[in-house]
């Protein structure tokens, strides 16, 4: 194993190999840290809706093993439509230059929620004529409101081995779980973990927490839709253990 650190001092020649070392070490650290993560949102990229414009904040995305750094906000105009609109990120690679390989990404709205091979979803919404698109929520259940609300449940968020919930979903959940009058030790621990990791929680932990409460969903492993419904049910019915049946609540997760 060998790591080279260029010594930037007077009267020293800065060789091209030294510049490569600086480049590779800085970027290689991120690659190693997130190498076990799936494609999706890694950090940041907060989405705000205001005056007919979606603003995607600075952040990091992973796609096909490459980490895209967004160092400036991106803006996408929107307007009402008769149906769902999906905010997508689309990735391309340009190898036409002899000097470098360019990894490009762009954001756009699509009336089709299906994804092409080089796309991922950031959010979706169903905005009616005359309504205002909301990017804030009254409570956890409100995050699944069908109309005029930014839906983060479908967002491609990178996780270890499988995708996970958007951090904003889990931070809202922790806020309401903490407000429950009766909390078990596992509930307190889950809230602490969500806050400590700023909402970056793996799906396996949420399933284990639900199973600890005796909440079942048949023989199959619970997907994101099922986990969301069970979490919403815990908040709605109170912190009661025991096996529970499938909730009839519908959220728009594919």
Protein backbone atom coordinates (compact mmCIF):
# COMPACT_ATOMS: atom_id res chain seq x y z
CA UNK A 1 0.00 0.00 0.00
CA UNK A 2 1.33 3.42 -0.92
CA UNK A 3 -0.05 6.96 -0.59
CA UNK A 4 1.81 9.92 -2.01
CA UNK A 5 1.44 13.42 -0.54
CA UNK A 6 3.01 16.20 -2.65
CA UNK A 7 5.21 18.57 -0.64
CA UNK A 8 4.21 22.05 -1.77
CA UNK A 9 7.28 24.09 -0.90
CA UNK A 10 9.40 26.78 -2.48
CA UNK A 11 11.82 25.83 -5.26
CA UNK A 12 10.11 22.48 -5.74
CA UNK A 13 8.83 21.47 -9.17
CA UNK A 14 5.14 20.56 -9.19
CA UNK A 15 5.04 17.54 -11.48
CA UNK A 16 1.94 16.31 -13.27
CA UNK A 17 2.12 13.12 -11.20
CA UNK A 18 1.81 15.23 -8.05
CA UNK A 19 -1.32 16.89 -9.42
CA UNK A 20 -2.75 13.45 -10.15
CA UNK A 21 -2.04 12.41 -6.57
CA UNK A 22 -3.94 15.44 -5.24
CA UNK A 23 -6.89 14.72 -7.54
CA UNK A 24 -7.05 10.98 -6.87
CA UNK A 25 -6.66 11.22 -3.10
CA UNK A 26 -9.45 13.79 -2.65
CA UNK A 27 -11.94 11.99 -4.89
CA UNK A 28 -10.83 8.48 -3.96
CA UNK A 29 -11.83 9.07 -0.35
CA UNK A 30 -15.45 9.60 -1.31
CA UNK A 31 -15.38 6.59 -3.62
CA UNK A 32 -14.14 4.34 -0.82
CA UNK A 33 -16.58 5.72 1.75
CA UNK A 34 -19.61 5.12 -0.46
CA UNK A 35 -18.46 2.05 -2.39
CA UNK A 36 -21.07 -0.23 -0.74
CA UNK A 37 -23.92 2.20 -1.38
CA UNK A 38 -26.49 1.80 -4.13
CA UNK A 39 -27.08 4.49 -6.73
CA UNK A 40 -29.01 7.53 -5.52
CA UNK A 41 -28.85 10.63 -3.36
CA UNK A 42 -25.86 10.68 -1.00
CA UNK A 43 -25.88 14.14 0.52
CA UNK A 44 -27.86 17.36 0.30
CA UNK A 45 -29.87 18.13 -2.85
CA UNK A 46 -32.70 19.68 -0.82
CA UNK A 47 -35.66 20.50 -3.08
CA UNK A 48 -37.65 23.71 -2.62
CA UNK A 49 -40.69 24.89 -4.58
CA UNK A 50 -41.30 28.61 -4.94
CA UNK A 51 -42.90 30.85 -7.56
CA UNK A 52 -43.06 28.17 -10.24
CA UNK A 53 -39.45 27.05 -9.83
CA UNK A 54 -37.99 23.94 -8.21
CA UNK A 55 -34.57 24.59 -6.69
CA UNK A 56 -32.30 21.59 -6.13
CA UNK A 57 -29.61 22.46 -3.60
CA UNK A 58 -25.95 21.52 -3.59
CA UNK A 59 -25.17 17.90 -2.87
CA UNK A 60 -23.84 14.53 -4.01
CA UNK A 61 -25.39 11.83 -6.19
CA UNK A 62 -24.11 8.39 -7.06
CA UNK A 63 -24.89 6.75 -10.39
CA UNK A 64 -23.30 3.64 -11.86
CA UNK A 65 -20.54 3.85 -9.30
CA UNK A 66 -19.55 7.46 -10.09
CA UNK A 67 -20.10 10.24 -7.55
CA UNK A 68 -21.43 13.46 -9.03
CA UNK A 69 -20.64 16.61 -7.03
CA UNK A 70 -23.20 19.43 -7.33
CA UNK A 71 -21.46 22.61 -6.25
CA UNK A 72 -24.20 24.99 -7.41
CA UNK A 73 -27.98 25.05 -7.08
CA UNK A 74 -30.00 23.84 -10.06
CA UNK A 75 -33.39 25.30 -11.04
CA UNK A 76 -36.24 23.66 -12.96
CA UNK A 77 -39.49 25.53 -13.81
CA UNK A 78 -42.81 23.80 -13.15
CA UNK A 79 -46.51 24.38 -13.78
CA UNK A 80 -49.79 22.52 -13.13
CA UNK A 81 -50.51 19.43 -15.21
CA UNK A 82 -53.22 16.82 -15.49
CA UNK A 83 -51.32 14.03 -13.75
CA UNK A 84 -48.13 13.19 -11.95
CA UNK A 85 -44.86 14.95 -12.77
CA UNK A 86 -41.53 13.40 -11.87
CA UNK A 87 -38.37 15.40 -11.22
CA UNK A 88 -35.59 13.28 -12.67
CA UNK A 89 -31.83 13.38 -12.84
CA UNK A 90 -30.37 12.13 -16.11
CA UNK A 91 -26.71 11.14 -16.50
CA UNK A 92 -24.47 10.95 -19.56
CA UNK A 93 -20.77 10.41 -20.22
CA UNK A 94 -18.86 12.33 -22.88
CA UNK A 95 -15.63 10.74 -24.11
CA UNK A 96 -15.20 12.85 -27.25
CA UNK A 97 -12.25 14.79 -25.85
CA UNK A 98 -8.74 13.38 -25.85
CA UNK A 99 -7.95 15.34 -22.69
CA UNK A 100 -10.70 14.23 -20.32
CA UNK A 101 -13.85 12.24 -19.79
CA UNK A 102 -16.87 14.32 -18.82
CA UNK A 103 -19.60 13.01 -16.52
CA UNK A 104 -22.70 15.13 -16.98
CA UNK A 105 -26.02 15.33 -15.17
CA UNK A 106 -29.15 17.37 -15.70
CA UNK A 107 -32.52 17.77 -13.95
CA UNK A 108 -35.85 17.93 -15.74
CA UNK A 109 -39.56 17.30 -15.24
CA UNK A 110 -41.27 14.40 -16.98
CA UNK A 111 -44.96 13.49 -17.16
CA UNK A 112 -43.93 9.83 -17.24
CA UNK A 113 -42.92 8.33 -13.88
CA UNK A 114 -41.10 5.41 -15.49
CA UNK A 115 -37.31 5.64 -15.61
CA UNK A 116 -34.81 5.05 -18.39
CA UNK A 117 -31.56 3.24 -17.71
CA UNK A 118 -29.65 6.50 -17.19
CA UNK A 119 -32.20 8.23 -14.93
CA UNK A 120 -33.17 8.42 -11.27
CA UNK A 121 -36.10 10.12 -9.54
CA UNK A 122 -35.64 12.99 -7.10
CA UNK A 123 -39.32 13.59 -6.23
CA UNK A 124 -42.75 13.74 -7.83
CA UNK A 125 -45.96 15.75 -7.47
CA UNK A 126 -49.51 16.16 -8.78
CA UNK A 127 -50.14 19.90 -9.02
CA UNK A 128 -53.68 21.00 -9.83
CA UNK A 129 -54.59 24.20 -11.64
CA UNK A 130 -54.92 27.10 -9.21
CA UNK A 131 -53.10 25.30 -6.39
CA UNK A 132 -49.74 25.96 -4.76
CA UNK A 133 -47.07 23.27 -4.61
CA UNK A 134 -46.00 22.57 -1.01
CA UNK A 135 -42.51 21.49 0.08
CA UNK A 136 -43.34 21.45 3.81
CA UNK A 137 -45.60 19.08 5.71
CA UNK A 138 -48.07 19.26 8.60
CA UNK A 139 -47.12 15.82 9.87
CA UNK A 140 -45.74 12.44 8.80
CA UNK A 141 -48.98 11.28 7.16
CA UNK A 142 -49.13 14.54 5.18
CA UNK A 143 -45.96 13.50 3.34
CA UNK A 144 -48.15 11.04 1.41
CA UNK A 145 -50.88 13.55 0.49
CA UNK A 146 -51.75 12.98 -3.16
CA UNK A 147 -52.24 16.49 -4.50
CA UNK A 148 -50.11 19.66 -4.53
CA UNK A 149 -47.36 18.18 -2.35
CA UNK A 150 -43.76 17.24 -3.09
CA UNK A 151 -43.50 13.47 -2.69
CA UNK A 152 -40.11 12.28 -1.44
CA UNK A 153 -41.16 8.66 -0.95
CA UNK A 154 -40.10 7.80 -4.50
CA UNK A 155 -36.75 9.55 -4.34
CA UNK A 156 -33.76 7.37 -5.18
CA UNK A 157 -31.71 7.61 -1.98
CA UNK A 158 -28.50 5.60 -1.76
CA UNK A 159 -28.20 3.01 1.00
CA UNK A 160 -25.99 0.09 1.91
CA UNK A 161 -27.16 -2.83 -0.19
CA UNK A 162 -30.55 -1.23 -0.92
CA UNK A 163 -32.12 2.21 -1.24
CA UNK A 164 -33.48 3.96 1.83
CA UNK A 165 -35.94 6.68 2.79
CA UNK A 166 -35.21 10.32 2.16
CA UNK A 167 -33.73 11.86 5.34
CA UNK A 168 -36.57 14.41 5.57
CA UNK A 169 -39.09 11.57 5.92
CA UNK A 170 -37.25 10.05 8.85
CA UNK A 171 -36.58 13.35 10.59
CA UNK A 172 -40.31 14.09 10.51
CA UNK A 173 -41.03 10.60 11.81
CA UNK A 174 -38.58 10.97 14.71
CA UNK A 175 -40.15 14.30 15.66
CA UNK A 176 -43.59 12.71 15.98
CA UNK A 177 -42.40 9.46 17.56
CA UNK A 178 -40.61 11.46 20.26
CA UNK A 179 -43.85 13.35 20.96
CA UNK A 180 -45.69 10.08 21.75
CA UNK A 181 -46.73 9.97 25.40
CA UNK A 182 -45.65 6.35 25.85
CA UNK A 183 -42.28 5.43 24.37
CA UNK A 184 -40.31 2.22 24.65
CA UNK A 185 -36.56 2.12 24.95
CA UNK A 186 -36.27 1.08 21.30
CA UNK A 187 -38.28 4.14 20.24
CA UNK A 188 -35.97 6.48 22.11
CA UNK A 189 -32.93 4.75 20.64
CA UNK A 190 -34.37 5.04 17.11
CA UNK A 191 -35.03 8.77 17.54
CA UNK A 192 -31.48 9.31 18.80
CA UNK A 193 -30.09 7.37 15.84
CA UNK A 194 -32.14 9.36 13.32
CA UNK A 195 -31.09 12.68 14.81
CA UNK A 196 -27.47 11.64 15.23
CA UNK A 197 -27.23 10.53 11.59
CA UNK A 198 -29.35 13.42 10.28
CA UNK A 199 -31.98 11.04 8.91
CA UNK A 200 -29.56 8.72 7.12
CA UNK A 201 -30.95 5.41 8.37
CA UNK A 202 -30.75 2.06 6.61
CA UNK A 203 -33.95 0.12 5.89
CA UNK A 204 -32.76 -2.91 7.87
CA UNK A 205 -32.85 -0.88 11.10
CA UNK A 206 -36.42 0.28 10.48
CA UNK A 207 -37.58 -3.27 9.73
CA UNK A 208 -35.91 -4.53 12.90
CA UNK A 209 -37.61 -1.79 14.93
CA UNK A 210 -41.02 -2.72 13.47
CA UNK A 211 -40.42 -6.41 14.06
CA UNK A 212 -39.50 -5.61 17.66
CA UNK A 213 -42.98 -4.18 18.03
CA UNK A 214 -44.50 -7.36 16.65
CA UNK A 215 -45.61 -5.67 13.45
CA UNK A 216 -45.77 -8.19 10.63
CA UNK A 217 -46.46 -8.03 6.89
CA UNK A 218 -46.82 -11.65 5.88
CA UNK A 219 -43.91 -13.76 4.73
CA UNK A 220 -42.26 -11.28 2.32
CA UNK A 221 -39.73 -8.70 3.39
CA UNK A 222 -41.31 -5.28 3.79
CA UNK A 223 -40.51 -2.82 1.02
CA UNK A 224 -40.49 0.96 1.36
CA UNK A 225 -44.25 1.30 0.88
CA UNK A 226 -45.02 -1.28 3.55
CA UNK A 227 -42.51 0.18 6.00
CA UNK A 228 -43.94 3.68 5.49
CA UNK A 229 -47.49 2.45 6.09
CA UNK A 230 -46.49 0.61 9.27
CA UNK A 231 -44.59 3.63 10.59
CA UNK A 232 -47.58 5.85 9.92
CA UNK A 233 -49.81 3.35 11.70
CA UNK A 234 -47.60 3.39 14.80
CA UNK A 235 -47.96 7.16 14.99
CA UNK A 236 -51.69 7.11 14.26
CA UNK A 237 -52.68 4.35 16.68
CA UNK A 238 -50.13 5.04 19.35
CA UNK A 239 -47.18 3.00 20.50
CA UNK A 240 -48.93 -0.36 20.81
CA UNK A 241 -47.19 -3.69 20.20
CA UNK A 242 -48.64 -6.84 18.70
CA UNK A 243 -49.09 -8.18 15.20
CA UNK A 244 -50.83 -5.73 12.89
CA UNK A 245 -52.60 -6.14 9.61
CA UNK A 246 -51.78 -4.34 6.41
CA UNK A 247 -52.79 -0.68 6.43
CA UNK A 248 -55.13 0.49 3.69
CA UNK A 249 -53.27 3.80 3.33
CA UNK A 250 -51.83 4.30 -0.13
CA UNK A 251 -48.61 6.08 -0.90
CA UNK A 252 -47.17 6.44 -4.34
CA UNK A 253 -44.07 4.28 -4.27
CA UNK A 254 -43.06 2.08 -7.18
